[in-house]
Amino acid sequence: RDGSLRESANEMGVKILLYEAGEALRYDELCIRAGERGILRVMRHLGMLPASRQKKFPIEPLIARNSGWMRATDSGFVRNLKHLGDKVEKDDIMAI
């Protein structure tokens, strides 16, 4: 997006990890906590923080090469069929 942190960093050749979650102009405590935990894990993995003493769970890494938005064409109620973290394929129905 024009004027975004992502665009500015890209123009300067700076690699960033950008966490986006929740809704615009609202704080979502659950999303904030999940993002904070993720950031701390990345920093520990990179040696920027000491290793955690918590148990490690085997997680298969997933690298997102691109992202996109899905927007509703109309207002109304939504029933999500896919949830945060679900893997999706082309033509999967995301919500009704």
PDB file of N, CA and C in Angstrom:
ATOM      1  N   ARG A   1       0.838  -1.184   0.000  1.00  0.00           N
ATOM      2  CA  ARG A   1       0.000   0.000   0.000  1.00  0.00           C
ATOM      3  C   ARG A   1       0.876   1.238   0.000  1.00  0.00           C
ATOM      4  N   ASP A   2       0.421   2.248  -0.714  1.00  0.00           N
ATOM      5  CA  ASP A   2       1.150   3.516  -0.746  1.00  0.00           C
ATOM      6  C   ASP A   2       1.241   4.112   0.655  1.00  0.00           C
ATOM      7  N   GLY A   3       2.441   4.564   1.030  1.00  0.00           N
ATOM      8  CA  GLY A   3       2.641   5.218   2.319  1.00  0.00           C
ATOM      9  C   GLY A   3       2.724   4.270   3.503  1.00  0.00           C
ATOM     10  N   SER A   4       2.778   2.960   3.261  1.00  0.00           N
ATOM     11  CA  SER A   4       2.815   2.000   4.364  1.00  0.00           C
ATOM     12  C   SER A   4       4.249   1.746   4.821  1.00  0.00           C
ATOM     13  N   LEU A   5       4.374   1.201   6.014  1.00  0.00           N
ATOM     14  CA  LEU A   5       5.684   0.802   6.528  1.00  0.00           C
ATOM     15  C   LEU A   5       6.319  -0.220   5.597  1.00  0.00           C
ATOM     16  N   ARG A   6       5.513  -1.151   5.116  1.00  0.00           N
ATOM     17  CA  ARG A   6       5.996  -2.195   4.205  1.00  0.00           C
ATOM     18  C   ARG A   6       6.596  -1.571   2.943  1.00  0.00           C
ATOM     19  N   GLU A   7       5.900  -0.612   2.359  1.00  0.00           N
ATOM     20  CA  GLU A   7       6.388   0.025   1.137  1.00  0.00           C
ATOM     21  C   GLU A   7       7.698   0.775   1.396  1.00  0.00           C
ATOM     22  N   SER A   8       7.740   1.543   2.486  1.00  0.00           N
ATOM     23  CA  SER A   8       8.943   2.320   2.807  1.00  0.00           C
ATOM     24  C   SER A   8      10.147   1.412   3.044  1.00  0.00           C
ATOM     25  N   ALA A   9       9.940   0.336   3.795  1.00  0.00           N
ATOM     26  CA  ALA A   9      11.043  -0.589   4.065  1.00  0.00           C
ATOM     27  C   ALA A   9      11.524  -1.235   2.780  1.00  0.00           C
ATOM     28  N   ASN A  10      10.604  -1.620   1.924  1.00  0.00           N
ATOM     29  CA  ASN A  10      10.956  -2.240   0.649  1.00  0.00           C
ATOM     30  C   ASN A  10      11.781  -1.285  -0.210  1.00  0.00           C
ATOM     31  N   GLU A  11      11.374  -0.030  -0.276  1.00  0.00           N
ATOM     32  CA  GLU A  11      12.118   0.961  -1.065  1.00  0.00           C
ATOM     33  C   GLU A  11      13.530   1.167  -0.546  1.00  0.00           C
ATOM     34  N   MET A  12      13.717   1.008   0.780  1.00  0.00           N
ATOM     35  CA  MET A  12      15.034   1.190   1.391  1.00  0.00           C
ATOM     36  C   MET A  12      15.843  -0.105   1.416  1.00  0.00           C
ATOM     37  N   GLY A  13      15.243  -1.207   0.924  1.00  0.00           N
ATOM     38  CA  GLY A  13      15.937  -2.482   0.930  1.00  0.00           C
ATOM     39  C   GLY A  13      16.050  -3.106   2.306  1.00  0.00           C
ATOM     40  N   VAL A  14      15.162  -2.711   3.218  1.00  0.00           N
ATOM     41  CA  VAL A  14      15.186  -3.223   4.584  1.00  0.00           C
ATOM     42  C   VAL A  14      14.178  -4.353   4.704  1.00  0.00           C
ATOM     43  N   LYS A  15      14.636  -5.496   5.215  1.00  0.00           N
ATOM     44  CA  LYS A  15      13.738  -6.622   5.443  1.00  0.00           C
ATOM     45  C   LYS A  15      13.019  -6.417   6.768  1.00  0.00           C
ATOM     46  N   ILE A  16      11.718  -6.638   6.770  1.00  0.00           N
ATOM     47  CA  ILE A  16      10.935  -6.490   7.995  1.00  0.00           C
ATOM     48  C   ILE A  16      10.005  -7.673   8.152  1.00  0.00           C
ATOM     49  N   LEU A  17       9.591  -7.888   9.370  1.00  0.00           N
ATOM     50  CA  LEU A  17       8.546  -8.839   9.671  1.00  0.00           C
ATOM     51  C   LEU A  17       7.387  -8.013  10.204  1.00  0.00           C
ATOM     52  N   LEU A  18       6.311  -7.978   9.466  1.00  0.00           N
ATOM     53  CA  LEU A  18       5.173  -7.132   9.822  1.00  0.00           C
ATOM     54  C   LEU A  18       4.029  -8.005  10.305  1.00  0.00           C
ATOM     55  N   TYR A  19       3.565  -7.737  11.514  1.00  0.00           N
ATOM     56  CA  TYR A  19       2.449  -8.474  12.089  1.00  0.00           C
ATOM     57  C   TYR A  19       1.194  -7.613  11.995  1.00  0.00           C
ATOM     58  N   GLU A  20       0.199  -8.103  11.314  1.00  0.00           N
ATOM     59  CA  GLU A  20      -1.078  -7.400  11.202  1.00  0.00           C
ATOM     60  C   GLU A  20      -2.167  -8.318  11.724  1.00  0.00           C
ATOM     61  N   ALA A  21      -2.993  -7.803  12.617  1.00  0.00           N
ATOM     62  CA  ALA A  21      -4.072  -8.620  13.172  1.00  0.00           C
ATOM     63  C   ALA A  21      -5.166  -7.719  13.715  1.00  0.00           C
ATOM     64  N   GLY A  22      -6.315  -8.314  13.927  1.00  0.00           N
ATOM     65  CA  GLY A  22      -7.422  -7.558  14.503  1.00  0.00           C
ATOM     66  C   GLY A  22      -8.086  -6.649  13.481  1.00  0.00           C
ATOM     67  N   GLU A  23      -8.799  -5.679  13.982  1.00  0.00           N
ATOM     68  CA  GLU A  23      -9.527  -4.734  13.139  1.00  0.00           C
ATOM     69  C   GLU A  23      -8.840  -3.376  13.153  1.00  0.00           C
ATOM     70  N   ALA A  24      -9.107  -2.596  12.126  1.00  0.00           N
ATOM     71  CA  ALA A  24      -8.560  -1.246  12.056  1.00  0.00           C
ATOM     72  C   ALA A  24      -9.128  -0.402  13.198  1.00  0.00           C
ATOM     73  N   LEU A  25      -8.273   0.397  13.813  1.00  0.00           N
ATOM     74  CA  LEU A  25      -8.649   1.356  14.861  1.00  0.00           C
ATOM     75  C   LEU A  25      -9.238   0.706  16.110  1.00  0.00           C
ATOM     76  N   ARG A  26      -8.937  -0.569  16.338  1.00  0.00           N
ATOM     77  CA  ARG A  26      -9.399  -1.260  17.544  1.00  0.00           C
ATOM     78  C   ARG A  26      -8.264  -2.110  18.102  1.00  0.00           C
ATOM     79  N   TYR A  27      -8.197  -2.204  19.412  1.00  0.00           N
ATOM     80  CA  TYR A  27      -7.227  -3.080  20.050  1.00  0.00           C
ATOM     81  C   TYR A  27      -7.892  -4.422  20.329  1.00  0.00           C
ATOM     82  N   ASP A  28      -7.246  -5.486  19.917  1.00  0.00           N
ATOM     83  CA  ASP A  28      -7.737  -6.833  20.158  1.00  0.00           C
ATOM     84  C   ASP A  28      -6.704  -7.525  21.039  1.00  0.00           C
ATOM     85  N   GLU A  29      -7.016  -7.649  22.328  1.00  0.00           N
ATOM     86  CA  GLU A  29      -6.055  -8.157  23.301  1.00  0.00           C
ATOM     87  C   GLU A  29      -5.523  -9.542  22.930  1.00  0.00           C
ATOM     88  N   LEU A  30      -6.390 -10.410  22.439  1.00  0.00           N
ATOM     89  CA  LEU A  30      -5.964 -11.758  22.053  1.00  0.00           C
ATOM     90  C   LEU A  30      -4.939 -11.694  20.916  1.00  0.00           C
ATOM     91  N   CYS A  31      -5.204 -10.873  19.916  1.00  0.00           N
ATOM     92  CA  CYS A  31      -4.270 -10.726  18.789  1.00  0.00           C
ATOM     93  C   CYS A  31      -2.959 -10.084  19.230  1.00  0.00           C
ATOM     94  N   ILE A  32      -3.054  -9.129  20.140  1.00  0.00           N
ATOM     95  CA  ILE A  32      -1.834  -8.463  20.643  1.00  0.00           C
ATOM     96  C   ILE A  32      -0.956  -9.474  21.364  1.00  0.00           C
ATOM     97  N   ARG A  33      -1.558 -10.296  22.224  1.00  0.00           N
ATOM     98  CA  ARG A  33      -0.775 -11.305  22.958  1.00  0.00           C
ATOM     99  C   ARG A  33      -0.151 -12.329  22.013  1.00  0.00           C
ATOM    100  N   ALA A  34      -0.918 -12.764  21.014  1.00  0.00           N
ATOM    101  CA  ALA A  34      -0.386 -13.734  20.050  1.00  0.00           C
ATOM    102  C   ALA A  34       0.784 -13.126  19.275  1.00  0.00           C
ATOM    103  N   GLY A  35       0.648 -11.885  18.870  1.00  0.00           N
ATOM    104  CA  GLY A  35       1.729 -11.210  18.147  1.00  0.00           C
ATOM    105  C   GLY A  35       2.968 -11.038  19.005  1.00  0.00           C
ATOM    106  N   GLU A  36       2.768 -10.665  20.250  1.00  0.00           N
ATOM    107  CA  GLU A  36       3.904 -10.487  21.159  1.00  0.00           C
ATOM    108  C   GLU A  36       4.648 -11.811  21.352  1.00  0.00           C
ATOM    109  N   ARG A  37       3.901 -12.891  21.573  1.00  0.00           N
ATOM    110  CA  ARG A  37       4.549 -14.204  21.730  1.00  0.00           C
ATOM    111  C   ARG A  37       5.326 -14.589  20.476  1.00  0.00           C
ATOM    112  N   GLY A  38       4.742 -14.327  19.323  1.00  0.00           N
ATOM    113  CA  GLY A  38       5.415 -14.646  18.068  1.00  0.00           C
ATOM    114  C   GLY A  38       6.691 -13.846  17.877  1.00  0.00           C
ATOM    115  N   ILE A  39       6.632 -12.559  18.179  1.00  0.00           N
ATOM    116  CA  ILE A  39       7.811 -11.697  18.044  1.00  0.00           C
ATOM    117  C   ILE A  39       8.928 -12.174  18.973  1.00  0.00           C
ATOM    118  N   LEU A  40       8.573 -12.505  20.210  1.00  0.00           N
ATOM    119  CA  LEU A  40       9.584 -12.985  21.159  1.00  0.00           C
ATOM    120  C   LEU A  40      10.199 -14.303  20.696  1.00  0.00           C
ATOM    121  N   ARG A  41       9.391 -15.182  20.119  1.00  0.00           N
ATOM    122  CA  ARG A  41       9.920 -16.449  19.591  1.00  0.00           C
ATOM    123  C   ARG A  41      10.919 -16.205  18.466  1.00  0.00           C
ATOM    124  N   VAL A  42      10.577 -15.294  17.565  1.00  0.00           N
ATOM    125  CA  VAL A  42      11.481 -14.977  16.453  1.00  0.00           C
ATOM    126  C   VAL A  42      12.778 -14.393  16.994  1.00  0.00           C
ATOM    127  N   MET A  43      12.681 -13.482  17.958  1.00  0.00           N
ATOM    128  CA  MET A  43      13.884 -12.869  18.529  1.00  0.00           C
ATOM    129  C   MET A  43      14.755 -13.905  19.228  1.00  0.00           C
ATOM    130  N   ARG A  44      14.136 -14.876  19.915  1.00  0.00           N
ATOM    131  CA  ARG A  44      14.916 -15.945  20.559  1.00  0.00           C
ATOM    132  C   ARG A  44      15.596 -16.822  19.504  1.00  0.00           C
ATOM    133  N   HIS A  45      14.859 -17.129  18.445  1.00  0.00           N
ATOM    134  CA  HIS A  45      15.414 -17.950  17.362  1.00  0.00           C
ATOM    135  C   HIS A  45      16.616 -17.258  16.718  1.00  0.00           C
ATOM    136  N   LEU A  46      16.573 -15.949  16.586  1.00  0.00           N
ATOM    137  CA  LEU A  46      17.661 -15.193  15.974  1.00  0.00           C
ATOM    138  C   LEU A  46      18.797 -14.896  16.949  1.00  0.00           C
ATOM    139  N   GLY A  47      18.647 -15.314  18.216  1.00  0.00           N
ATOM    140  CA  GLY A  47      19.693 -15.079  19.209  1.00  0.00           C
ATOM    141  C   GLY A  47      19.663 -13.684  19.788  1.00  0.00           C
ATOM    142  N   MET A  48      18.595 -12.953  19.577  1.00  0.00           N
ATOM    143  CA  MET A  48      18.480 -11.598  20.111  1.00  0.00           C
ATOM    144  C   MET A  48      18.039 -11.617  21.577  1.00  0.00           C
ATOM    145  N   LEU A  49      17.456 -12.737  22.013  1.00  0.00           N
ATOM    146  CA  LEU A  49      17.038 -12.941  23.402  1.00  0.00           C
ATOM    147  C   LEU A  49      17.498 -14.333  23.821  1.00  0.00           C
ATOM    148  N   PRO A  50      17.668 -14.562  25.130  1.00  0.00           N
ATOM    149  CA  PRO A  50      18.046 -15.908  25.575  1.00  0.00           C
ATOM    150  C   PRO A  50      16.931 -16.904  25.271  1.00  0.00           C
ATOM    151  N   ALA A  51      17.315 -18.163  25.122  1.00  0.00           N
ATOM    152  CA  ALA A  51      16.347 -19.220  24.817  1.00  0.00           C
ATOM    153  C   ALA A  51      15.319 -19.334  25.931  1.00  0.00           C
ATOM    154  N   SER A  52      14.117 -19.691  25.553  1.00  0.00           N
ATOM    155  CA  SER A  52      13.028 -19.867  26.507  1.00  0.00           C
ATOM    156  C   SER A  52      13.203 -21.184  27.244  1.00  0.00           C
ATOM    157  N   ARG A  53      12.704 -21.262  28.468  1.00  0.00           N
ATOM    158  CA  ARG A  53      12.740 -22.499  29.240  1.00  0.00           C
ATOM    159  C   ARG A  53      11.466 -23.310  29.042  1.00  0.00           C
ATOM    160  N   GLN A  54      10.550 -22.794  28.261  1.00  0.00           N
ATOM    161  CA  GLN A  54       9.293 -23.491  28.030  1.00  0.00           C
ATOM    162  C   GLN A  54       9.521 -24.687  27.118  1.00  0.00           C
ATOM    163  N   LYS A  55       8.598 -25.675  27.212  1.00  0.00           N
ATOM    164  CA  LYS A  55       8.676 -26.846  26.346  1.00  0.00           C
ATOM    165  C   LYS A  55       8.491 -26.412  24.897  1.00  0.00           C
ATOM    166  N   LYS A  56       9.223 -27.057  24.027  1.00  0.00           N
ATOM    167  CA  LYS A  56       9.103 -26.765  22.602  1.00  0.00           C
ATOM    168  C   LYS A  56       8.188 -27.799  21.964  1.00  0.00           C
ATOM    169  N   PHE A  57       7.285 -27.322  21.131  1.00  0.00           N
ATOM    170  CA  PHE A  57       6.384 -28.195  20.404  1.00  0.00           C
ATOM    171  C   PHE A  57       6.813 -28.204  18.950  1.00  0.00           C
ATOM    172  N   PRO A  58       6.901 -29.389  18.339  1.00  0.00           N
ATOM    173  CA  PRO A  58       7.320 -29.426  16.937  1.00  0.00           C
ATOM    174  C   PRO A  58       6.262 -28.774  16.042  1.00  0.00           C
ATOM    175  N   ILE A  59       6.662 -27.718  15.380  1.00  0.00           N
ATOM    176  CA  ILE A  59       5.767 -26.998  14.477  1.00  0.00           C
ATOM    177  C   ILE A  59       6.439 -26.925  13.111  1.00  0.00           C
ATOM    178  N   GLU A  60       5.725 -27.327  12.105  1.00  0.00           N
ATOM    179  CA  GLU A  60       6.254 -27.234  10.752  1.00  0.00           C
ATOM    180  C   GLU A  60       6.199 -25.772  10.310  1.00  0.00           C
ATOM    181  N   PRO A  61       7.337 -25.172   9.969  1.00  0.00           N
ATOM    182  CA  PRO A  61       7.336 -23.761   9.576  1.00  0.00           C
ATOM    183  C   PRO A  61       6.571 -23.546   8.266  1.00  0.00           C
ATOM    184  N   LEU A  62       5.959 -22.406   8.162  1.00  0.00           N
ATOM    185  CA  LEU A  62       5.238 -22.013   6.963  1.00  0.00           C
ATOM    186  C   LEU A  62       5.711 -20.627   6.573  1.00  0.00           C
ATOM    187  N   ILE A  63       6.206 -20.497   5.356  1.00  0.00           N
ATOM    188  CA  ILE A  63       6.681 -19.202   4.874  1.00  0.00           C
ATOM    189  C   ILE A  63       5.669 -18.667   3.880  1.00  0.00           C
ATOM    190  N   ALA A  64       5.070 -17.522   4.192  1.00  0.00           N
ATOM    191  CA  ALA A  64       4.098 -16.894   3.298  1.00  0.00           C
ATOM    192  C   ALA A  64       4.860 -16.061   2.268  1.00  0.00           C
ATOM    193  N   ARG A  65       4.705 -16.383   1.030  1.00  0.00           N
ATOM    194  CA  ARG A  65       5.378 -15.647  -0.049  1.00  0.00           C
ATOM    195  C   ARG A  65       4.552 -14.454  -0.525  1.00  0.00           C
ATOM    196  N   ASN A  66       3.268 -14.455  -0.180  1.00  0.00           N
ATOM    197  CA  ASN A  66       2.412 -13.312  -0.515  1.00  0.00           C
ATOM    198  C   ASN A  66       1.195 -13.343   0.392  1.00  0.00           C
ATOM    199  N   SER A  67       0.399 -12.314   0.341  1.00  0.00           N
ATOM    200  CA  SER A  67      -0.819 -12.256   1.140  1.00  0.00           C
ATOM    201  C   SER A  67      -1.877 -11.496   0.356  1.00  0.00           C
ATOM    202  N   GLY A  68      -3.084 -11.569   0.826  1.00  0.00           N
ATOM    203  CA  GLY A  68      -4.163 -10.858   0.152  1.00  0.00           C
ATOM    204  C   GLY A  68      -5.321 -10.635   1.100  1.00  0.00           C
ATOM    205  N   TRP A  69      -6.245  -9.834   0.674  1.00  0.00           N
ATOM    206  CA  TRP A  69      -7.414  -9.505   1.474  1.00  0.00           C
ATOM    207  C   TRP A  69      -8.650 -10.087   0.821  1.00  0.00           C
ATOM    208  N   MET A  70      -9.586 -10.510   1.649  1.00  0.00           N
ATOM    209  CA  MET A  70     -10.910 -10.874   1.170  1.00  0.00           C
ATOM    210  C   MET A  70     -11.871  -9.888   1.800  1.00  0.00           C
ATOM    211  N   ARG A  71     -12.677  -9.260   0.997  1.00  0.00           N
ATOM    212  CA  ARG A  71     -13.634  -8.283   1.514  1.00  0.00           C
ATOM    213  C   ARG A  71     -15.039  -8.710   1.130  1.00  0.00           C
ATOM    214  N   ALA A  72     -15.976  -8.455   2.029  1.00  0.00           N
ATOM    215  CA  ALA A  72     -17.371  -8.770   1.760  1.00  0.00           C
ATOM    216  C   ALA A  72     -17.928  -7.777   0.743  1.00  0.00           C
ATOM    217  N   THR A  73     -18.780  -8.279  -0.117  1.00  0.00           N
ATOM    218  CA  THR A  73     -19.423  -7.393  -1.096  1.00  0.00           C
ATOM    219  C   THR A  73     -20.633  -6.700  -0.492  1.00  0.00           C
ATOM    220  N   ASP A  74     -21.192  -7.264   0.568  1.00  0.00           N
ATOM    221  CA  ASP A  74     -22.374  -6.697   1.220  1.00  0.00           C
ATOM    222  C   ASP A  74     -22.183  -6.735   2.734  1.00  0.00           C
ATOM    223  N   SER A  75     -22.966  -5.916   3.435  1.00  0.00           N
ATOM    224  CA  SER A  75     -22.932  -5.969   4.896  1.00  0.00           C
ATOM    225  C   SER A  75     -23.851  -7.085   5.367  1.00  0.00           C
ATOM    226  N   GLY A  76     -23.703  -7.483   6.616  1.00  0.00           N
ATOM    227  CA  GLY A  76     -24.560  -8.525   7.152  1.00  0.00           C
ATOM    228  C   GLY A  76     -23.819  -9.389   8.144  1.00  0.00           C
ATOM    229  N   PHE A  77     -24.295 -10.594   8.351  1.00  0.00           N
ATOM    230  CA  PHE A  77     -23.685 -11.536   9.285  1.00  0.00           C
ATOM    231  C   PHE A  77     -22.779 -12.480   8.514  1.00  0.00           C
ATOM    232  N   VAL A  78     -21.751 -12.966   9.211  1.00  0.00           N
ATOM    233  CA  VAL A  78     -20.823 -13.892   8.566  1.00  0.00           C
ATOM    234  C   VAL A  78     -20.632 -15.117   9.455  1.00  0.00           C
ATOM    235  N   ARG A  79     -20.521 -16.275   8.825  1.00  0.00           N
ATOM    236  CA  ARG A  79     -20.175 -17.514   9.526  1.00  0.00           C
ATOM    237  C   ARG A  79     -18.879 -18.004   8.907  1.00  0.00           C
ATOM    238  N   ASN A  80     -17.799 -17.922   9.686  1.00  0.00           N
ATOM    239  CA  ASN A  80     -16.491 -18.343   9.191  1.00  0.00           C
ATOM    240  C   ASN A  80     -16.425 -19.857   9.095  1.00  0.00           C
ATOM    241  N   LEU A  81     -15.940 -20.339   7.972  1.00  0.00           N
ATOM    242  CA  LEU A  81     -15.715 -21.764   7.788  1.00  0.00           C
ATOM    243  C   LEU A  81     -14.238 -22.102   7.957  1.00  0.00           C
ATOM    244  N   LYS A  82     -13.392 -21.124   7.776  1.00  0.00           N
ATOM    245  CA  LYS A  82     -11.956 -21.273   8.002  1.00  0.00           C
ATOM    246  C   LYS A  82     -11.573 -20.370   9.162  1.00  0.00           C
ATOM    247  N   HIS A  83     -10.582 -20.801   9.922  1.00  0.00           N
ATOM    248  CA  HIS A  83     -10.188 -20.054  11.107  1.00  0.00           C
ATOM    249  C   HIS A  83      -8.725 -19.631  11.014  1.00  0.00           C
ATOM    250  N   LEU A  84      -8.328 -18.741  11.880  1.00  0.00           N
ATOM    251  CA  LEU A  84      -6.961 -18.255  11.928  1.00  0.00           C
ATOM    252  C   LEU A  84      -6.004 -19.434  12.015  1.00  0.00           C
ATOM    253  N   GLY A  85      -5.055 -19.489  11.096  1.00  0.00           N
ATOM    254  CA  GLY A  85      -4.065 -20.561  11.088  1.00  0.00           C
ATOM    255  C   GLY A  85      -4.405 -21.732  10.194  1.00  0.00           C
ATOM    256  N   ASP A  86      -5.658 -21.796   9.721  1.00  0.00           N
ATOM    257  CA  ASP A  86      -6.029 -22.879   8.815  1.00  0.00           C
ATOM    258  C   ASP A  86      -5.311 -22.719   7.485  1.00  0.00           C
ATOM    259  N   LYS A  87      -4.898 -23.829   6.906  1.00  0.00           N
ATOM    260  CA  LYS A  87      -4.340 -23.792   5.557  1.00  0.00           C
ATOM    261  C   LYS A  87      -5.503 -23.783   4.579  1.00  0.00           C
ATOM    262  N   VAL A  88      -5.378 -22.993   3.547  1.00  0.00           N
ATOM    263  CA  VAL A  88      -6.435 -22.904   2.546  1.00  0.00           C
ATOM    264  C   VAL A  88      -5.845 -23.120   1.160  1.00  0.00           C
ATOM    265  N   GLU A  89      -6.679 -23.584   0.277  1.00  0.00           N
ATOM    266  CA  GLU A  89      -6.302 -23.819  -1.111  1.00  0.00           C
ATOM    267  C   GLU A  89      -7.179 -22.939  -2.001  1.00  0.00           C
ATOM    268  N   LYS A  90      -6.758 -22.780  -3.225  1.00  0.00           N
ATOM    269  CA  LYS A  90      -7.537 -22.034  -4.193  1.00  0.00           C
ATOM    270  C   LYS A  90      -8.936 -22.630  -4.273  1.00  0.00           C
ATOM    271  N   ASP A  91      -9.924 -21.771  -4.337  1.00  0.00           N
ATOM    272  CA  ASP A  91     -11.358 -22.123  -4.449  1.00  0.00           C
ATOM    273  C   ASP A  91     -11.960 -22.661  -3.150  1.00  0.00           C
ATOM    274  N   ASP A  92     -11.220 -22.682  -2.022  1.00  0.00           N
ATOM    275  CA  ASP A  92     -11.827 -23.040  -0.746  1.00  0.00           C
ATOM    276  C   ASP A  92     -12.858 -21.976  -0.373  1.00  0.00           C
ATOM    277  N   ILE A  93     -13.961 -22.407   0.206  1.00  0.00           N
ATOM    278  CA  ILE A  93     -14.964 -21.453   0.721  1.00  0.00           C
ATOM    279  C   ILE A  93     -14.518 -21.026   2.106  1.00  0.00           C
ATOM    280  N   MET A  94     -14.315 -19.728   2.286  1.00  0.00           N
ATOM    281  CA  MET A  94     -13.792 -19.193   3.541  1.00  0.00           C
ATOM    282  C   MET A  94     -14.892 -18.879   4.552  1.00  0.00           C
ATOM    283  N   ALA A  95     -16.026 -18.414   4.051  1.00  0.00           N
ATOM    284  CA  ALA A  95     -17.105 -17.996   4.939  1.00  0.00           C
ATOM    285  C   ALA A  95     -18.408 -17.944   4.162  1.00  0.00           C
ATOM    286  N   ILE A  96     -19.496 -17.942   4.930  1.00  0.00           N
ATOM    287  CA  ILE A  96     -20.823 -17.798   4.334  1.00  0.00           C
ATOM    288  C   ILE A  96     -21.479 -16.588   4.982  1.00  0.00           C
TER     289      ILE A  96
END
